[in-house]
Amino acid sequence: MAKTMTTPYDTADYLKTEEDMVLYFEACLDEDPGDGSLIRAALGDIARARGMAQLARDTGLAREGLYKALSADGNPEFATVMKVIKALGLKLHVGQAA
């Protein structure tokens, strides 16, 4: 029986363009269950796709702190989330729920 070779999946590997990143972030905003987990994950994925070290410089936050805050176990303050969103060139949009 032949062995099946697998590689870890990393969303950041597929976020190649600004449009990819914006569409992914919008989808995660729409699908977030209300606890911020998908928003946190999206920001972490986009940050890794762009470069966490550059994001740390742009936000003035420690790289290690960003990794922790944007991880699955992270619980960043809203101010941190907004700094990251701004540094990534993203915007939050408000609309009425369907």
PDB file of N, CA and C in Angstrom:
ATOM      1  N   MET A   1       0.851  -1.168   0.000  1.00  0.00           N
ATOM      2  CA  MET A   1       0.000   0.000   0.000  1.00  0.00           C
ATOM      3  C   MET A   1       0.903   1.241   0.000  1.00  0.00           C
ATOM      4  N   ALA A   2       0.654   2.144  -0.909  1.00  0.00           N
ATOM      5  CA  ALA A   2       1.444   3.367  -1.021  1.00  0.00           C
ATOM      6  C   ALA A   2       1.051   4.352   0.069  1.00  0.00           C
ATOM      7  N   LYS A   3       2.045   5.033   0.591  1.00  0.00           N
ATOM      8  CA  LYS A   3       1.776   6.044   1.610  1.00  0.00           C
ATOM      9  C   LYS A   3       1.294   7.326   0.943  1.00  0.00           C
ATOM     10  N   THR A   4       0.350   7.969   1.584  1.00  0.00           N
ATOM     11  CA  THR A   4      -0.148   9.246   1.106  1.00  0.00           C
ATOM     12  C   THR A   4       0.673  10.345   1.760  1.00  0.00           C
ATOM     13  N   MET A   5       1.255  11.184   0.940  1.00  0.00           N
ATOM     14  CA  MET A   5       2.038  12.297   1.457  1.00  0.00           C
ATOM     15  C   MET A   5       1.142  13.526   1.559  1.00  0.00           C
ATOM     16  N   THR A   6       1.190  14.175   2.689  1.00  0.00           N
ATOM     17  CA  THR A   6       0.407  15.391   2.888  1.00  0.00           C
ATOM     18  C   THR A   6       1.326  16.519   3.351  1.00  0.00           C
ATOM     19  N   THR A   7       0.865  17.731   3.155  1.00  0.00           N
ATOM     20  CA  THR A   7       1.576  18.899   3.657  1.00  0.00           C
ATOM     21  C   THR A   7       0.589  19.740   4.444  1.00  0.00           C
ATOM     22  N   PRO A   8       1.063  20.452   5.443  1.00  0.00           N
ATOM     23  CA  PRO A   8       0.154  21.301   6.219  1.00  0.00           C
ATOM     24  C   PRO A   8      -0.463  22.388   5.338  1.00  0.00           C
ATOM     25  N   TYR A   9      -1.731  22.660   5.560  1.00  0.00           N
ATOM     26  CA  TYR A   9      -2.416  23.725   4.823  1.00  0.00           C
ATOM     27  C   TYR A   9      -2.221  25.034   5.575  1.00  0.00           C
ATOM     28  N   ASP A  10      -1.864  26.074   4.866  1.00  0.00           N
ATOM     29  CA  ASP A  10      -1.708  27.398   5.455  1.00  0.00           C
ATOM     30  C   ASP A  10      -2.369  28.407   4.523  1.00  0.00           C
ATOM     31  N   THR A  11      -3.449  29.008   4.992  1.00  0.00           N
ATOM     32  CA  THR A  11      -4.187  29.978   4.192  1.00  0.00           C
ATOM     33  C   THR A  11      -3.286  31.094   3.688  1.00  0.00           C
ATOM     34  N   ALA A  12      -2.319  31.501   4.495  1.00  0.00           N
ATOM     35  CA  ALA A  12      -1.427  32.602   4.115  1.00  0.00           C
ATOM     36  C   ALA A  12      -0.711  32.325   2.793  1.00  0.00           C
ATOM     37  N   ASP A  13      -0.473  31.052   2.489  1.00  0.00           N
ATOM     38  CA  ASP A  13       0.192  30.694   1.235  1.00  0.00           C
ATOM     39  C   ASP A  13      -0.652  31.027   0.001  1.00  0.00           C
ATOM     40  N   TYR A  14      -1.957  31.204   0.186  1.00  0.00           N
ATOM     41  CA  TYR A  14      -2.862  31.423  -0.943  1.00  0.00           C
ATOM     42  C   TYR A  14      -3.335  32.874  -1.049  1.00  0.00           C
ATOM     43  N   LEU A  15      -2.904  33.714  -0.139  1.00  0.00           N
ATOM     44  CA  LEU A  15      -3.266  35.127  -0.171  1.00  0.00           C
ATOM     45  C   LEU A  15      -2.173  35.881  -0.920  1.00  0.00           C
ATOM     46  N   LYS A  16      -2.271  35.894  -2.227  1.00  0.00           N
ATOM     47  CA  LYS A  16      -1.219  36.439  -3.083  1.00  0.00           C
ATOM     48  C   LYS A  16      -1.407  37.906  -3.436  1.00  0.00           C
ATOM     49  N   THR A  17      -2.652  38.350  -3.570  1.00  0.00           N
ATOM     50  CA  THR A  17      -2.917  39.719  -4.007  1.00  0.00           C
ATOM     51  C   THR A  17      -3.703  40.471  -2.938  1.00  0.00           C
ATOM     52  N   GLU A  18      -3.724  41.784  -3.091  1.00  0.00           N
ATOM     53  CA  GLU A  18      -4.520  42.623  -2.182  1.00  0.00           C
ATOM     54  C   GLU A  18      -5.996  42.225  -2.262  1.00  0.00           C
ATOM     55  N   GLU A  19      -6.459  41.927  -3.467  1.00  0.00           N
ATOM     56  CA  GLU A  19      -7.857  41.533  -3.639  1.00  0.00           C
ATOM     57  C   GLU A  19      -8.146  40.230  -2.892  1.00  0.00           C
ATOM     58  N   ASP A  20      -7.229  39.269  -2.973  1.00  0.00           N
ATOM     59  CA  ASP A  20      -7.394  38.011  -2.228  1.00  0.00           C
ATOM     60  C   ASP A  20      -7.573  38.299  -0.744  1.00  0.00           C
ATOM     61  N   MET A  21      -6.742  39.183  -0.216  1.00  0.00           N
ATOM     62  CA  MET A  21      -6.754  39.493   1.212  1.00  0.00           C
ATOM     63  C   MET A  21      -8.041  40.189   1.625  1.00  0.00           C
ATOM     64  N   VAL A  22      -8.490  41.133   0.813  1.00  0.00           N
ATOM     65  CA  VAL A  22      -9.723  41.857   1.115  1.00  0.00           C
ATOM     66  C   VAL A  22     -10.926  40.918   1.066  1.00  0.00           C
ATOM     67  N   LEU A  23     -11.009  40.104   0.028  1.00  0.00           N
ATOM     68  CA  LEU A  23     -12.138  39.174  -0.086  1.00  0.00           C
ATOM     69  C   LEU A  23     -12.152  38.162   1.053  1.00  0.00           C
ATOM     70  N   TYR A  24     -10.987  37.685   1.419  1.00  0.00           N
ATOM     71  CA  TYR A  24     -10.881  36.733   2.536  1.00  0.00           C
ATOM     72  C   TYR A  24     -11.319  37.396   3.838  1.00  0.00           C
ATOM     73  N   PHE A  25     -10.855  38.617   4.084  1.00  0.00           N
ATOM     74  CA  PHE A  25     -11.223  39.333   5.312  1.00  0.00           C
ATOM     75  C   PHE A  25     -12.731  39.574   5.351  1.00  0.00           C
ATOM     76  N   GLU A  26     -13.314  40.012   4.233  1.00  0.00           N
ATOM     77  CA  GLU A  26     -14.762  40.236   4.178  1.00  0.00           C
ATOM     78  C   GLU A  26     -15.539  38.956   4.456  1.00  0.00           C
ATOM     79  N   ALA A  27     -15.087  37.836   3.887  1.00  0.00           N
ATOM     80  CA  ALA A  27     -15.766  36.556   4.116  1.00  0.00           C
ATOM     81  C   ALA A  27     -15.699  36.173   5.592  1.00  0.00           C
ATOM     82  N   CYS A  28     -14.552  36.381   6.211  1.00  0.00           N
ATOM     83  CA  CYS A  28     -14.407  36.044   7.629  1.00  0.00           C
ATOM     84  C   CYS A  28     -15.251  36.962   8.510  1.00  0.00           C
ATOM     85  N   LEU A  29     -15.371  38.237   8.133  1.00  0.00           N
ATOM     86  CA  LEU A  29     -16.254  39.147   8.868  1.00  0.00           C
ATOM     87  C   LEU A  29     -17.698  38.653   8.788  1.00  0.00           C
ATOM     88  N   ASP A  30     -18.114  38.238   7.591  1.00  0.00           N
ATOM     89  CA  ASP A  30     -19.487  37.772   7.394  1.00  0.00           C
ATOM     90  C   ASP A  30     -19.775  36.473   8.131  1.00  0.00           C
ATOM     91  N   GLU A  31     -18.799  35.584   8.199  1.00  0.00           N
ATOM     92  CA  GLU A  31     -19.014  34.249   8.750  1.00  0.00           C
ATOM     93  C   GLU A  31     -18.613  34.088  10.218  1.00  0.00           C
ATOM     94  N   ASP A  32     -18.006  35.122  10.810  1.00  0.00           N
ATOM     95  CA  ASP A  32     -17.573  35.017  12.196  1.00  0.00           C
ATOM     96  C   ASP A  32     -18.764  34.663  13.090  1.00  0.00           C
ATOM     97  N   PRO A  33     -18.595  33.683  14.002  1.00  0.00           N
ATOM     98  CA  PRO A  33     -19.710  33.261  14.848  1.00  0.00           C
ATOM     99  C   PRO A  33     -20.058  34.243  15.965  1.00  0.00           C
ATOM    100  N   GLY A  34     -19.359  35.357  16.050  1.00  0.00           N
ATOM    101  CA  GLY A  34     -19.673  36.343  17.078  1.00  0.00           C
ATOM    102  C   GLY A  34     -18.634  36.429  18.174  1.00  0.00           C
ATOM    103  N   ASP A  35     -17.657  35.547  18.129  1.00  0.00           N
ATOM    104  CA  ASP A  35     -16.610  35.574  19.156  1.00  0.00           C
ATOM    105  C   ASP A  35     -15.301  36.158  18.644  1.00  0.00           C
ATOM    106  N   GLY A  36     -15.281  36.583  17.397  1.00  0.00           N
ATOM    107  CA  GLY A  36     -14.089  37.184  16.816  1.00  0.00           C
ATOM    108  C   GLY A  36     -13.047  36.191  16.338  1.00  0.00           C
ATOM    109  N   SER A  37     -13.326  34.898  16.454  1.00  0.00           N
ATOM    110  CA  SER A  37     -12.322  33.888  16.112  1.00  0.00           C
ATOM    111  C   SER A  37     -11.932  33.919  14.636  1.00  0.00           C
ATOM    112  N   LEU A  38     -12.897  34.079  13.749  1.00  0.00           N
ATOM    113  CA  LEU A  38     -12.562  34.119  12.319  1.00  0.00           C
ATOM    114  C   LEU A  38     -11.886  35.427  11.940  1.00  0.00           C
ATOM    115  N   ILE A  39     -12.270  36.504  12.583  1.00  0.00           N
ATOM    116  CA  ILE A  39     -11.629  37.793  12.316  1.00  0.00           C
ATOM    117  C   ILE A  39     -10.174  37.741  12.756  1.00  0.00           C
ATOM    118  N   ARG A  40      -9.930  37.198  13.938  1.00  0.00           N
ATOM    119  CA  ARG A  40      -8.569  37.032  14.458  1.00  0.00           C
ATOM    120  C   ARG A  40      -7.748  36.149  13.533  1.00  0.00           C
ATOM    121  N   ALA A  41      -8.337  35.051  13.098  1.00  0.00           N
ATOM    122  CA  ALA A  41      -7.639  34.123  12.201  1.00  0.00           C
ATOM    123  C   ALA A  41      -7.318  34.804  10.875  1.00  0.00           C
ATOM    124  N   ALA A  42      -8.273  35.536  10.332  1.00  0.00           N
ATOM    125  CA  ALA A  42      -8.051  36.224   9.051  1.00  0.00           C
ATOM    126  C   ALA A  42      -6.929  37.241   9.172  1.00  0.00           C
ATOM    127  N   LEU A  43      -6.942  38.018  10.238  1.00  0.00           N
ATOM    128  CA  LEU A  43      -5.885  39.013  10.423  1.00  0.00           C
ATOM    129  C   LEU A  43      -4.526  38.340  10.572  1.00  0.00           C
ATOM    130  N   GLY A  44      -4.489  37.225  11.288  1.00  0.00           N
ATOM    131  CA  GLY A  44      -3.233  36.488  11.429  1.00  0.00           C
ATOM    132  C   GLY A  44      -2.747  35.929  10.100  1.00  0.00           C
ATOM    133  N   ASP A  45      -3.657  35.378   9.315  1.00  0.00           N
ATOM    134  CA  ASP A  45      -3.289  34.833   8.002  1.00  0.00           C
ATOM    135  C   ASP A  45      -2.779  35.930   7.068  1.00  0.00           C
ATOM    136  N   ILE A  46      -3.484  37.047   7.041  1.00  0.00           N
ATOM    137  CA  ILE A  46      -3.086  38.160   6.176  1.00  0.00           C
ATOM    138  C   ILE A  46      -1.752  38.727   6.644  1.00  0.00           C
ATOM    139  N   ALA A  47      -1.576  38.846   7.941  1.00  0.00           N
ATOM    140  CA  ALA A  47      -0.315  39.360   8.486  1.00  0.00           C
ATOM    141  C   ALA A  47       0.857  38.466   8.103  1.00  0.00           C
ATOM    142  N   ARG A  48       0.665  37.150   8.185  1.00  0.00           N
ATOM    143  CA  ARG A  48       1.739  36.230   7.806  1.00  0.00           C
ATOM    144  C   ARG A  48       2.001  36.281   6.305  1.00  0.00           C
ATOM    145  N   ALA A  49       0.947  36.462   5.509  1.00  0.00           N
ATOM    146  CA  ALA A  49       1.124  36.553   4.064  1.00  0.00           C
ATOM    147  C   ALA A  49       1.922  37.806   3.690  1.00  0.00           C
ATOM    148  N   ARG A  50       1.698  38.873   4.408  1.00  0.00           N
ATOM    149  CA  ARG A  50       2.397  40.136   4.129  1.00  0.00           C
ATOM    150  C   ARG A  50       3.751  40.216   4.801  1.00  0.00           C
ATOM    151  N   GLY A  51       3.881  39.570   5.950  1.00  0.00           N
ATOM    152  CA  GLY A  51       5.128  39.634   6.705  1.00  0.00           C
ATOM    153  C   GLY A  51       4.882  40.185   8.099  1.00  0.00           C
ATOM    154  N   MET A  52       4.994  39.328   9.091  1.00  0.00           N
ATOM    155  CA  MET A  52       4.703  39.719  10.466  1.00  0.00           C
ATOM    156  C   MET A  52       5.698  40.760  10.982  1.00  0.00           C
ATOM    157  N   ALA A  53       6.944  40.663  10.558  1.00  0.00           N
ATOM    158  CA  ALA A  53       7.945  41.630  11.029  1.00  0.00           C
ATOM    159  C   ALA A  53       7.590  43.045  10.568  1.00  0.00           C
ATOM    160  N   GLN A  54       7.152  43.180   9.318  1.00  0.00           N
ATOM    161  CA  GLN A  54       6.763  44.500   8.814  1.00  0.00           C
ATOM    162  C   GLN A  54       5.535  45.009   9.553  1.00  0.00           C
ATOM    163  N   LEU A  55       4.580  44.136   9.827  1.00  0.00           N
ATOM    164  CA  LEU A  55       3.391  44.536  10.568  1.00  0.00           C
ATOM    165  C   LEU A  55       3.772  45.023  11.961  1.00  0.00           C
ATOM    166  N   ALA A  56       4.709  44.336  12.600  1.00  0.00           N
ATOM    167  CA  ALA A  56       5.167  44.754  13.925  1.00  0.00           C
ATOM    168  C   ALA A  56       5.741  46.171  13.860  1.00  0.00           C
ATOM    169  N   ARG A  57       6.540  46.448  12.851  1.00  0.00           N
ATOM    170  CA  ARG A  57       7.093  47.794  12.697  1.00  0.00           C
ATOM    171  C   ARG A  57       5.987  48.821  12.448  1.00  0.00           C
ATOM    172  N   ASP A  58       5.030  48.474  11.594  1.00  0.00           N
ATOM    173  CA  ASP A  58       3.959  49.408  11.243  1.00  0.00           C
ATOM    174  C   ASP A  58       3.017  49.704  12.411  1.00  0.00           C
ATOM    175  N   THR A  59       2.825  48.731  13.301  1.00  0.00           N
ATOM    176  CA  THR A  59       1.909  48.914  14.430  1.00  0.00           C
ATOM    177  C   THR A  59       2.620  49.372  15.697  1.00  0.00           C
ATOM    178  N   GLY A  60       3.922  49.169  15.745  1.00  0.00           N
ATOM    179  CA  GLY A  60       4.658  49.477  16.971  1.00  0.00           C
ATOM    180  C   GLY A  60       4.490  48.414  18.036  1.00  0.00           C
ATOM    181  N   LEU A  61       3.979  47.262  17.655  1.00  0.00           N
ATOM    182  CA  LEU A  61       3.774  46.147  18.587  1.00  0.00           C
ATOM    183  C   LEU A  61       4.850  45.094  18.362  1.00  0.00           C
ATOM    184  N   ALA A  62       5.127  44.314  19.378  1.00  0.00           N
ATOM    185  CA  ALA A  62       6.134  43.259  19.274  1.00  0.00           C
ATOM    186  C   ALA A  62       5.635  42.145  18.357  1.00  0.00           C
ATOM    187  N   ARG A  63       6.528  41.616  17.539  1.00  0.00           N
ATOM    188  CA  ARG A  63       6.175  40.533  16.613  1.00  0.00           C
ATOM    189  C   ARG A  63       5.620  39.335  17.367  1.00  0.00           C
ATOM    190  N   GLU A  64       6.279  38.955  18.456  1.00  0.00           N
ATOM    191  CA  GLU A  64       5.825  37.801  19.245  1.00  0.00           C
ATOM    192  C   GLU A  64       4.431  38.057  19.825  1.00  0.00           C
ATOM    193  N   GLY A  65       4.201  39.301  20.251  1.00  0.00           N
ATOM    194  CA  GLY A  65       2.885  39.667  20.780  1.00  0.00           C
ATOM    195  C   GLY A  65       1.806  39.591  19.725  1.00  0.00           C
ATOM    196  N   LEU A  66       2.159  39.971  18.492  1.00  0.00           N
ATOM    197  CA  LEU A  66       1.186  39.871  17.402  1.00  0.00           C
ATOM    198  C   LEU A  66       0.847  38.421  17.099  1.00  0.00           C
ATOM    199  N   TYR A  67       1.879  37.564  17.046  1.00  0.00           N
ATOM    200  CA  TYR A  67       1.616  36.140  16.817  1.00  0.00           C
ATOM    201  C   TYR A  67       0.658  35.606  17.872  1.00  0.00           C
ATOM    202  N   LYS A  68       0.906  35.945  19.131  1.00  0.00           N
ATOM    203  CA  LYS A  68       0.064  35.451  20.230  1.00  0.00           C
ATOM    204  C   LYS A  68      -1.349  36.030  20.138  1.00  0.00           C
ATOM    205  N   ALA A  69      -1.447  37.350  19.911  1.00  0.00           N
ATOM    206  CA  ALA A  69      -2.756  38.005  19.863  1.00  0.00           C
ATOM    207  C   ALA A  69      -3.622  37.489  18.729  1.00  0.00           C
ATOM    208  N   LEU A  70      -2.993  37.150  17.594  1.00  0.00           N
ATOM    209  CA  LEU A  70      -3.749  36.728  16.414  1.00  0.00           C
ATOM    210  C   LEU A  70      -3.835  35.212  16.282  1.00  0.00           C
ATOM    211  N   SER A  71      -3.396  34.501  17.303  1.00  0.00           N
ATOM    212  CA  SER A  71      -3.476  33.037  17.284  1.00  0.00           C
ATOM    213  C   SER A  71      -4.879  32.580  17.680  1.00  0.00           C
ATOM    214  N   ALA A  72      -5.118  31.295  17.544  1.00  0.00           N
ATOM    215  CA  ALA A  72      -6.421  30.723  17.908  1.00  0.00           C
ATOM    216  C   ALA A  72      -6.726  30.938  19.390  1.00  0.00           C
ATOM    217  N   ASP A  73      -5.695  30.984  20.222  1.00  0.00           N
ATOM    218  CA  ASP A  73      -5.887  31.175  21.663  1.00  0.00           C
ATOM    219  C   ASP A  73      -5.789  32.639  22.077  1.00  0.00           C
ATOM    220  N   GLY A  74      -5.520  33.526  21.118  1.00  0.00           N
ATOM    221  CA  GLY A  74      -5.331  34.938  21.428  1.00  0.00           C
ATOM    222  C   GLY A  74      -6.632  35.613  21.802  1.00  0.00           C
ATOM    223  N   ASN A  75      -6.494  36.693  22.541  1.00  0.00           N
ATOM    224  CA  ASN A  75      -7.641  37.512  22.918  1.00  0.00           C
ATOM    225  C   ASN A  75      -7.194  38.973  22.919  1.00  0.00           C
ATOM    226  N   PRO A  76      -6.920  39.517  21.719  1.00  0.00           N
ATOM    227  CA  PRO A  76      -6.361  40.867  21.650  1.00  0.00           C
ATOM    228  C   PRO A  76      -7.380  41.928  22.057  1.00  0.00           C
ATOM    229  N   GLU A  77      -6.859  43.037  22.569  1.00  0.00           N
ATOM    230  CA  GLU A  77      -7.720  44.172  22.844  1.00  0.00           C
ATOM    231  C   GLU A  77      -8.213  44.739  21.521  1.00  0.00           C
ATOM    232  N   PHE A  78      -9.350  45.417  21.570  1.00  0.00           N
ATOM    233  CA  PHE A  78      -9.911  45.988  20.354  1.00  0.00           C
ATOM    234  C   PHE A  78      -8.948  47.000  19.732  1.00  0.00           C
ATOM    235  N   ALA A  79      -8.231  47.741  20.554  1.00  0.00           N
ATOM    236  CA  ALA A  79      -7.255  48.712  20.045  1.00  0.00           C
ATOM    237  C   ALA A  79      -6.183  48.008  19.224  1.00  0.00           C
ATOM    238  N   THR A  80      -5.768  46.830  19.647  1.00  0.00           N
ATOM    239  CA  THR A  80      -4.770  46.058  18.903  1.00  0.00           C
ATOM    240  C   THR A  80      -5.336  45.617  17.570  1.00  0.00           C
ATOM    241  N   VAL A  81      -6.554  45.129  17.582  1.00  0.00           N
ATOM    242  CA  VAL A  81      -7.213  44.704  16.340  1.00  0.00           C
ATOM    243  C   VAL A  81      -7.299  45.876  15.369  1.00  0.00           C
ATOM    244  N   MET A  82      -7.669  47.045  15.856  1.00  0.00           N
ATOM    245  CA  MET A  82      -7.798  48.210  14.984  1.00  0.00           C
ATOM    246  C   MET A  82      -6.436  48.653  14.450  1.00  0.00           C
ATOM    247  N   LYS A  83      -5.382  48.580  15.264  1.00  0.00           N
ATOM    248  CA  LYS A  83      -4.038  48.910  14.784  1.00  0.00           C
ATOM    249  C   LYS A  83      -3.626  47.969  13.661  1.00  0.00           C
ATOM    250  N   VAL A  84      -3.922  46.692  13.836  1.00  0.00           N
ATOM    251  CA  VAL A  84      -3.562  45.695  12.826  1.00  0.00           C
ATOM    252  C   VAL A  84      -4.348  45.936  11.541  1.00  0.00           C
ATOM    253  N   ILE A  85      -5.641  46.157  11.672  1.00  0.00           N
ATOM    254  CA  ILE A  85      -6.480  46.409  10.493  1.00  0.00           C
ATOM    255  C   ILE A  85      -5.961  47.616   9.718  1.00  0.00           C
ATOM    256  N   LYS A  86      -5.670  48.688  10.435  1.00  0.00           N
ATOM    257  CA  LYS A  86      -5.176  49.904   9.782  1.00  0.00           C
ATOM    258  C   LYS A  86      -3.823  49.664   9.119  1.00  0.00           C
ATOM    259  N   ALA A  87      -2.913  49.003   9.817  1.00  0.00           N
ATOM    260  CA  ALA A  87      -1.579  48.749   9.273  1.00  0.00           C
ATOM    261  C   ALA A  87      -1.636  47.848   8.039  1.00  0.00           C
ATOM    262  N   LEU A  88      -2.621  46.964   7.973  1.00  0.00           N
ATOM    263  CA  LEU A  88      -2.774  46.075   6.827  1.00  0.00           C
ATOM    264  C   LEU A  88      -3.504  46.760   5.667  1.00  0.00           C
ATOM    265  N   GLY A  89      -3.971  47.985   5.901  1.00  0.00           N
ATOM    266  CA  GLY A  89      -4.669  48.717   4.845  1.00  0.00           C
ATOM    267  C   GLY A  89      -6.089  48.227   4.630  1.00  0.00           C
ATOM    268  N   LEU A  90      -6.671  47.622   5.654  1.00  0.00           N
ATOM    269  CA  LEU A  90      -8.035  47.103   5.566  1.00  0.00           C
ATOM    270  C   LEU A  90      -8.987  48.057   6.280  1.00  0.00           C
ATOM    271  N   LYS A  91     -10.293  47.883   6.042  1.00  0.00           N
ATOM    272  CA  LYS A  91     -11.316  48.650   6.717  1.00  0.00           C
ATOM    273  C   LYS A  91     -12.433  47.717   7.155  1.00  0.00           C
ATOM    274  N   LEU A  92     -13.050  48.051   8.273  1.00  0.00           N
ATOM    275  CA  LEU A  92     -14.267  47.365   8.702  1.00  0.00           C
ATOM    276  C   LEU A  92     -15.445  48.072   8.051  1.00  0.00           C
ATOM    277  N   HIS A  93     -16.435  47.311   7.636  1.00  0.00           N
ATOM    278  CA  HIS A  93     -17.627  47.908   7.030  1.00  0.00           C
ATOM    279  C   HIS A  93     -18.825  47.581   7.898  1.00  0.00           C
ATOM    280  N   VAL A  94     -19.717  48.527   8.002  1.00  0.00           N
ATOM    281  CA  VAL A  94     -20.927  48.342   8.784  1.00  0.00           C
ATOM    282  C   VAL A  94     -22.109  48.302   7.833  1.00  0.00           C
ATOM    283  N   GLY A  95     -22.994  47.386   8.083  1.00  0.00           N
ATOM    284  CA  GLY A  95     -24.209  47.269   7.295  1.00  0.00           C
ATOM    285  C   GLY A  95     -25.260  46.566   8.131  1.00  0.00           C
ATOM    286  N   GLN A  96     -26.442  46.521   7.644  1.00  0.00           N
ATOM    287  CA  GLN A  96     -27.525  45.879   8.348  1.00  0.00           C
ATOM    288  C   GLN A  96     -27.520  44.393   8.037  1.00  0.00           C
ATOM    289  N   ALA A  97     -27.665  43.586   9.089  1.00  0.00           N
ATOM    290  CA  ALA A  97     -27.693  42.127   8.916  1.00  0.00           C
ATOM    291  C   ALA A  97     -28.956  41.724   8.160  1.00  0.00           C
ATOM    292  N   ALA A  98     -28.800  40.704   7.370  1.00  0.00           N
ATOM    293  CA  ALA A  98     -29.923  40.202   6.570  1.00  0.00           C
ATOM    294  C   ALA A  98     -30.849  39.371   7.414  1.00  0.00           C
TER     295      ALA A  98
END
